[in-house]
Amino acid sequence: MNSRHLIIFVKNPEPGKVKTRLAATLGNEKAVAIYRELLAHTEKVTSSLNLVKKVYYGDYINVEDIWDNVDYYKALQEGDSLGERMSNAFEHAFEEGADEVVIIGSDCPEINKETIEKAFDSLLKNDVVIGPAEDGGYYLLGMNKFTPELFRGKKWSTSSVLNDTLKDTGKLQLSVTLLDMYTDIDEEADLQRFSWLKDVVEAL
């Protein structure tokens, strides 16, 4: 059994429920189209990885979307806050026998297969791995033992998440690997560096 588990948190791509800050300036149709492109990118990046892969949906499980029903285990996020939902997903993975668990979202156009593989490999030497995002959060988090403290007391979706997480690893005396800093797509200005996403907007 593969002891490496990759958790992918996604939202169901519906108007008014995804990329609300993008929608505020571009409208719901374009915001959903961009999010669908980001989902497709995340699927392409992860499809060839030889790992246990789990897609966790925000609202409902979709068995007829881009995520293959054989290659990806599908589940529903559980918990009131983002921290609770991530903590529960990690706990389930370790309960199922995982040795290394990594979570990613579906907002990062720069994430790639090599970065994810590097994250898992780093967990052979260090307790925690973090992929820092430019907005002060993170696009990836991994650990080799369940550490629920990393999900508590955070102001999710704010610029303090990364620093607060690093403070927790320090208090717990956990060794940390930091990956390259990438961009999450949240606002229209974030699109400027990614022509393939700008093309989606211009095509509508």
C-alpha atoms as a PDB file:
ATOM      1  CA  MET A   1       0.000   0.000   0.000  1.00  0.00           C
ATOM      2  CA  ASN A   2       1.262   3.465  -0.883  1.00  0.00           C
ATOM      3  CA  SER A   3       2.089   5.347   2.304  1.00  0.00           C
ATOM      4  CA  ARG A   4       2.071   8.783   0.670  1.00  0.00           C
ATOM      5  CA  HIS A   5      -1.304  10.517   0.630  1.00  0.00           C
ATOM      6  CA  LEU A   6      -2.052  13.670  -1.347  1.00  0.00           C
ATOM      7  CA  ILE A   7      -5.116  15.638  -0.272  1.00  0.00           C
ATOM      8  CA  ILE A   8      -6.592  18.081  -2.795  1.00  0.00           C
ATOM      9  CA  PHE A   9      -9.137  20.572  -1.479  1.00  0.00           C
ATOM     10  CA  VAL A  10     -11.525  21.864  -4.145  1.00  0.00           C
ATOM     11  CA  LYS A  11     -14.703  23.882  -4.326  1.00  0.00           C
ATOM     12  CA  ASN A  12     -17.618  22.987  -6.542  1.00  0.00           C
ATOM     13  CA  PRO A  13     -17.296  25.448  -9.466  1.00  0.00           C
ATOM     14  CA  GLU A  14     -20.578  27.304  -9.122  1.00  0.00           C
ATOM     15  CA  PRO A  15     -21.329  31.035  -9.578  1.00  0.00           C
ATOM     16  CA  GLY A  16     -21.176  32.995  -6.360  1.00  0.00           C
ATOM     17  CA  LYS A  17     -19.301  30.255  -4.498  1.00  0.00           C
ATOM     18  CA  VAL A  18     -15.819  30.387  -6.011  1.00  0.00           C
ATOM     19  CA  LYS A  19     -13.323  33.184  -6.538  1.00  0.00           C
ATOM     20  CA  THR A  20     -15.616  35.816  -5.051  1.00  0.00           C
ATOM     21  CA  ARG A  21     -12.894  38.482  -5.065  1.00  0.00           C
ATOM     22  CA  LEU A  22     -12.327  37.842  -8.769  1.00  0.00           C
ATOM     23  CA  ALA A  23     -16.060  37.908  -9.353  1.00  0.00           C
ATOM     24  CA  ALA A  24     -16.279  41.318  -7.697  1.00  0.00           C
ATOM     25  CA  THR A  25     -14.359  42.863 -10.597  1.00  0.00           C
ATOM     26  CA  LEU A  26     -14.774  40.357 -13.433  1.00  0.00           C
ATOM     27  CA  GLY A  27     -18.232  38.904 -12.787  1.00  0.00           C
ATOM     28  CA  ASN A  28     -19.275  35.393 -11.814  1.00  0.00           C
ATOM     29  CA  GLU A  29     -19.023  33.842 -15.288  1.00  0.00           C
ATOM     30  CA  LYS A  30     -15.368  34.768 -15.723  1.00  0.00           C
ATOM     31  CA  ALA A  31     -14.514  33.894 -12.118  1.00  0.00           C
ATOM     32  CA  VAL A  32     -15.957  30.392 -12.530  1.00  0.00           C
ATOM     33  CA  ALA A  33     -14.187  29.952 -15.883  1.00  0.00           C
ATOM     34  CA  ILE A  34     -10.854  30.863 -14.300  1.00  0.00           C
ATOM     35  CA  TYR A  35     -11.459  28.483 -11.418  1.00  0.00           C
ATOM     36  CA  ARG A  36     -12.260  25.669 -13.847  1.00  0.00           C
ATOM     37  CA  GLU A  37      -8.917  26.326 -15.552  1.00  0.00           C
ATOM     38  CA  LEU A  38      -7.157  26.136 -12.193  1.00  0.00           C
ATOM     39  CA  LEU A  39      -8.933  22.859 -11.422  1.00  0.00           C
ATOM     40  CA  ALA A  40      -7.848  21.447 -14.783  1.00  0.00           C
ATOM     41  CA  HIS A  41      -4.257  22.547 -14.109  1.00  0.00           C
ATOM     42  CA  THR A  42      -4.273  20.872 -10.690  1.00  0.00           C
ATOM     43  CA  GLU A  43      -5.673  17.659 -12.178  1.00  0.00           C
ATOM     44  CA  LYS A  44      -3.039  17.636 -14.928  1.00  0.00           C
ATOM     45  CA  VAL A  45      -0.224  18.193 -12.428  1.00  0.00           C
ATOM     46  CA  THR A  46      -1.363  15.409 -10.091  1.00  0.00           C
ATOM     47  CA  SER A  47      -2.731  12.797 -12.499  1.00  0.00           C
ATOM     48  CA  SER A  48       0.586  10.999 -13.080  1.00  0.00           C
ATOM     49  CA  LEU A  49       1.724  11.016  -9.450  1.00  0.00           C
ATOM     50  CA  ASN A  50       2.011   7.542  -7.936  1.00  0.00           C
ATOM     51  CA  LEU A  51       0.310   8.392  -4.656  1.00  0.00           C
ATOM     52  CA  VAL A  52      -2.938   7.860  -2.824  1.00  0.00           C
ATOM     53  CA  LYS A  53      -4.878  10.880  -4.113  1.00  0.00           C
ATOM     54  CA  LYS A  54      -7.988  12.240  -2.444  1.00  0.00           C
ATOM     55  CA  VAL A  55     -10.177  15.044  -3.717  1.00  0.00           C
ATOM     56  CA  TYR A  56     -12.149  16.701  -0.934  1.00  0.00           C
ATOM     57  CA  TYR A  57     -15.141  18.719  -2.145  1.00  0.00           C
ATOM     58  CA  GLY A  58     -16.570  21.788  -0.433  1.00  0.00           C
ATOM     59  CA  ASP A  59     -20.301  21.203  -1.006  1.00  0.00           C
ATOM     60  CA  TYR A  60     -20.993  17.866  -2.695  1.00  0.00           C
ATOM     61  CA  ILE A  61     -19.134  14.981  -4.318  1.00  0.00           C
ATOM     62  CA  ASN A  62     -19.243  15.051  -8.117  1.00  0.00           C
ATOM     63  CA  VAL A  63     -18.638  11.673  -9.752  1.00  0.00           C
ATOM     64  CA  GLU A  64     -18.910  13.119 -13.271  1.00  0.00           C
ATOM     65  CA  ASP A  65     -16.229  15.814 -13.222  1.00  0.00           C
ATOM     66  CA  ILE A  66     -12.589  15.950 -14.380  1.00  0.00           C
ATOM     67  CA  TRP A  67     -11.281  13.867 -11.464  1.00  0.00           C
ATOM     68  CA  ASP A  68     -11.106  10.191 -12.449  1.00  0.00           C
ATOM     69  CA  ASN A  69     -13.185   8.043 -10.091  1.00  0.00           C
ATOM     70  CA  VAL A  70     -10.559   5.281 -10.024  1.00  0.00           C
ATOM     71  CA  ASP A  71      -7.421   7.369  -9.735  1.00  0.00           C
ATOM     72  CA  TYR A  72      -8.844   9.760  -7.141  1.00  0.00           C
ATOM     73  CA  TYR A  73     -10.681   8.881  -3.959  1.00  0.00           C
ATOM     74  CA  LYS A  74     -13.509  11.369  -3.469  1.00  0.00           C
ATOM     75  CA  ALA A  75     -14.811  12.694  -0.162  1.00  0.00           C
ATOM     76  CA  LEU A  76     -16.585  15.650   1.392  1.00  0.00           C
ATOM     77  CA  GLN A  77     -14.811  18.196   3.560  1.00  0.00           C
ATOM     78  CA  GLU A  78     -15.957  17.966   7.184  1.00  0.00           C
ATOM     79  CA  GLY A  79     -15.813  20.776   9.732  1.00  0.00           C
ATOM     80  CA  ASP A  80     -17.007  24.322  10.359  1.00  0.00           C
ATOM     81  CA  SER A  81     -13.765  26.168   9.557  1.00  0.00           C
ATOM     82  CA  LEU A  82     -11.070  25.602   6.949  1.00  0.00           C
ATOM     83  CA  GLY A  83      -8.743  24.569   9.773  1.00  0.00           C
ATOM     84  CA  GLU A  84     -11.164  21.929  11.024  1.00  0.00           C
ATOM     85  CA  ARG A  85     -11.731  20.593   7.532  1.00  0.00           C
ATOM     86  CA  MET A  86      -8.011  20.277   6.813  1.00  0.00           C
ATOM     87  CA  SER A  87      -7.312  18.768  10.235  1.00  0.00           C
ATOM     88  CA  ASN A  88      -9.999  16.125   9.741  1.00  0.00           C
ATOM     89  CA  ALA A  89      -8.639  15.222   6.302  1.00  0.00           C
ATOM     90  CA  PHE A  90      -5.112  14.804   7.673  1.00  0.00           C
ATOM     91  CA  GLU A  91      -6.369  12.750  10.604  1.00  0.00           C
ATOM     92  CA  HIS A  92      -8.246  10.397   8.272  1.00  0.00           C
ATOM     93  CA  ALA A  93      -5.157   9.907   6.118  1.00  0.00           C
ATOM     94  CA  PHE A  94      -2.946   8.988   9.056  1.00  0.00           C
ATOM     95  CA  GLU A  95      -5.646   6.694  10.427  1.00  0.00           C
ATOM     96  CA  GLU A  96      -5.589   4.913   7.063  1.00  0.00           C
ATOM     97  CA  GLY A  97      -1.866   4.213   7.431  1.00  0.00           C
ATOM     98  CA  ALA A  98      -0.202   7.120   5.661  1.00  0.00           C
ATOM     99  CA  ASP A  99       3.395   7.961   6.604  1.00  0.00           C
ATOM    100  CA  GLU A 100       3.527  11.287   4.765  1.00  0.00           C
ATOM    101  CA  VAL A 101       0.508  13.480   4.028  1.00  0.00           C
ATOM    102  CA  VAL A 102       0.463  16.609   1.875  1.00  0.00           C
ATOM    103  CA  ILE A 103      -2.452  18.934   1.172  1.00  0.00           C
ATOM    104  CA  ILE A 104      -2.799  21.358  -1.706  1.00  0.00           C
ATOM    105  CA  GLY A 105      -5.595  23.608  -2.840  1.00  0.00           C
ATOM    106  CA  SER A 106      -6.746  24.360  -6.363  1.00  0.00           C
ATOM    107  CA  ASP A 107      -5.822  28.050  -6.638  1.00  0.00           C
ATOM    108  CA  CYS A 108      -2.153  27.899  -7.572  1.00  0.00           C
ATOM    109  CA  PRO A 109      -1.212  28.135 -11.279  1.00  0.00           C
ATOM    110  CA  GLU A 110       2.486  27.632 -10.531  1.00  0.00           C
ATOM    111  CA  ILE A 111       2.247  24.334  -8.663  1.00  0.00           C
ATOM    112  CA  ASN A 112       3.787  21.419 -10.518  1.00  0.00           C
ATOM    113  CA  LYS A 113       4.500  17.723 -10.182  1.00  0.00           C
ATOM    114  CA  GLU A 114       8.111  18.262  -9.168  1.00  0.00           C
ATOM    115  CA  THR A 115       7.170  20.567  -6.295  1.00  0.00           C
ATOM    116  CA  ILE A 116       4.740  18.004  -4.902  1.00  0.00           C
ATOM    117  CA  GLU A 117       7.303  15.210  -5.189  1.00  0.00           C
ATOM    118  CA  LYS A 118       9.890  17.425  -3.473  1.00  0.00           C
ATOM    119  CA  ALA A 119       7.420  18.062  -0.658  1.00  0.00           C
ATOM    120  CA  PHE A 120       6.936  14.360  -0.003  1.00  0.00           C
ATOM    121  CA  ASP A 121      10.656  13.627  -0.196  1.00  0.00           C
ATOM    122  CA  SER A 122      11.384  16.393   2.322  1.00  0.00           C
ATOM    123  CA  LEU A 123       9.142  14.643   4.855  1.00  0.00           C
ATOM    124  CA  LEU A 124      11.676  11.826   5.026  1.00  0.00           C
ATOM    125  CA  LYS A 125      14.042  14.287   6.734  1.00  0.00           C
ATOM    126  CA  ASN A 126      11.846  16.995   8.272  1.00  0.00           C
ATOM    127  CA  ASP A 127       8.580  16.962  10.229  1.00  0.00           C
ATOM    128  CA  VAL A 128       6.707  19.574   8.210  1.00  0.00           C
ATOM    129  CA  VAL A 129       6.847  21.027   4.700  1.00  0.00           C
ATOM    130  CA  ILE A 130       5.231  24.310   3.681  1.00  0.00           C
ATOM    131  CA  GLY A 131       4.779  25.935   0.287  1.00  0.00           C
ATOM    132  CA  PRO A 132       4.468  29.654   1.067  1.00  0.00           C
ATOM    133  CA  ALA A 133       2.120  31.811  -0.983  1.00  0.00           C
ATOM    134  CA  GLU A 134       2.794  35.442  -1.807  1.00  0.00           C
ATOM    135  CA  ASP A 135      -0.381  36.534  -0.018  1.00  0.00           C
ATOM    136  CA  GLY A 136       0.903  35.339   3.363  1.00  0.00           C
ATOM    137  CA  GLY A 137      -0.811  31.974   3.328  1.00  0.00           C
ATOM    138  CA  TYR A 138       0.383  28.678   1.903  1.00  0.00           C
ATOM    139  CA  TYR A 139      -0.419  26.633  -1.200  1.00  0.00           C
ATOM    140  CA  LEU A 140       0.909  23.364   0.288  1.00  0.00           C
ATOM    141  CA  LEU A 141       1.287  21.865   3.736  1.00  0.00           C
ATOM    142  CA  GLY A 142       2.650  18.449   4.624  1.00  0.00           C
ATOM    143  CA  MET A 143       3.584  16.483   7.722  1.00  0.00           C
ATOM    144  CA  ASN A 144       4.813  13.020   8.672  1.00  0.00           C
ATOM    145  CA  LYS A 145       2.738  12.763  11.834  1.00  0.00           C
ATOM    146  CA  PHE A 146      -0.660  14.197  12.675  1.00  0.00           C
ATOM    147  CA  THR A 147      -0.164  17.622  14.244  1.00  0.00           C
ATOM    148  CA  PRO A 148      -3.584  19.226  14.801  1.00  0.00           C
ATOM    149  CA  GLU A 149      -2.032  22.260  16.510  1.00  0.00           C
ATOM    150  CA  LEU A 150      -1.070  23.614  13.086  1.00  0.00           C
ATOM    151  CA  PHE A 151      -4.753  24.069  12.241  1.00  0.00           C
ATOM    152  CA  ARG A 152      -5.836  25.833  15.409  1.00  0.00           C
ATOM    153  CA  GLY A 153      -6.036  29.540  16.210  1.00  0.00           C
ATOM    154  CA  LYS A 154      -5.585  30.788  12.642  1.00  0.00           C
ATOM    155  CA  LYS A 155      -7.347  33.637  10.865  1.00  0.00           C
ATOM    156  CA  TRP A 156      -7.875  31.710   7.651  1.00  0.00           C
ATOM    157  CA  SER A 157      -7.634  33.493   4.298  1.00  0.00           C
ATOM    158  CA  THR A 158      -5.545  36.288   5.801  1.00  0.00           C
ATOM    159  CA  SER A 159      -1.898  37.305   5.448  1.00  0.00           C
ATOM    160  CA  SER A 160      -1.028  35.985   8.924  1.00  0.00           C
ATOM    161  CA  VAL A 161      -1.576  32.278   8.239  1.00  0.00           C
ATOM    162  CA  LEU A 162       1.968  31.397   7.160  1.00  0.00           C
ATOM    163  CA  ASN A 163       3.672  33.271   9.992  1.00  0.00           C
ATOM    164  CA  ASP A 164       1.292  31.861  12.591  1.00  0.00           C
ATOM    165  CA  THR A 165       1.897  28.347  11.275  1.00  0.00           C
ATOM    166  CA  LEU A 166       5.660  28.821  11.451  1.00  0.00           C
ATOM    167  CA  LYS A 167       5.321  30.096  15.017  1.00  0.00           C
ATOM    168  CA  ASP A 168       3.475  26.898  15.897  1.00  0.00           C
ATOM    169  CA  THR A 169       6.182  24.694  14.377  1.00  0.00           C
ATOM    170  CA  GLY A 170       8.713  26.581  16.477  1.00  0.00           C
ATOM    171  CA  LYS A 171       6.750  26.089  19.685  1.00  0.00           C
ATOM    172  CA  LEU A 172       6.360  22.389  18.917  1.00  0.00           C
ATOM    173  CA  GLN A 173      10.067  22.091  17.974  1.00  0.00           C
ATOM    174  CA  LEU A 174       9.231  20.677  14.554  1.00  0.00           C
ATOM    175  CA  SER A 175      11.753  20.784  11.708  1.00  0.00           C
ATOM    176  CA  VAL A 176      10.429  22.535   8.602  1.00  0.00           C
ATOM    177  CA  THR A 177      11.184  22.561   4.880  1.00  0.00           C
ATOM    178  CA  LEU A 178      10.111  25.697   3.003  1.00  0.00           C
ATOM    179  CA  LEU A 179       9.444  25.310  -0.711  1.00  0.00           C
ATOM    180  CA  ASP A 180       9.504  28.024  -3.388  1.00  0.00           C
ATOM    181  CA  MET A 181       7.036  30.859  -2.965  1.00  0.00           C
ATOM    182  CA  TYR A 182       4.148  30.764  -5.445  1.00  0.00           C
ATOM    183  CA  THR A 183       1.085  32.861  -6.255  1.00  0.00           C
ATOM    184  CA  ASP A 184      -2.500  31.967  -5.404  1.00  0.00           C
ATOM    185  CA  ILE A 185      -5.131  33.436  -7.696  1.00  0.00           C
ATOM    186  CA  ASP A 186      -7.508  35.537  -5.618  1.00  0.00           C
ATOM    187  CA  GLU A 187      -7.853  38.916  -7.309  1.00  0.00           C
ATOM    188  CA  GLU A 188      -7.795  40.251 -10.863  1.00  0.00           C
ATOM    189  CA  ALA A 189      -4.264  41.643 -10.406  1.00  0.00           C
ATOM    190  CA  ASP A 190      -3.004  38.109  -9.744  1.00  0.00           C
ATOM    191  CA  LEU A 191      -3.837  37.152 -13.341  1.00  0.00           C
ATOM    192  CA  GLN A 192      -1.327  39.510 -14.936  1.00  0.00           C
ATOM    193  CA  ARG A 193       1.571  37.047 -14.804  1.00  0.00           C
ATOM    194  CA  PHE A 194      -0.379  34.164 -16.310  1.00  0.00           C
ATOM    195  CA  SER A 195      -1.303  34.673 -19.952  1.00  0.00           C
ATOM    196  CA  TRP A 196      -3.227  31.412 -20.171  1.00  0.00           C
ATOM    197  CA  LEU A 197      -5.589  32.621 -17.451  1.00  0.00           C
ATOM    198  CA  LYS A 198      -5.879  36.090 -18.987  1.00  0.00           C
ATOM    199  CA  ASP A 199      -6.833  34.378 -22.259  1.00  0.00           C
ATOM    200  CA  VAL A 200      -9.772  32.727 -20.485  1.00  0.00           C
ATOM    201  CA  VAL A 201     -11.056  36.129 -19.415  1.00  0.00           C
ATOM    202  CA  GLU A 202     -10.619  37.662 -22.857  1.00  0.00           C
ATOM    203  CA  ALA A 203     -12.375  34.746 -24.564  1.00  0.00           C
ATOM    204  CA  LEU A 204     -15.613  35.383 -22.658  1.00  0.00           C
END
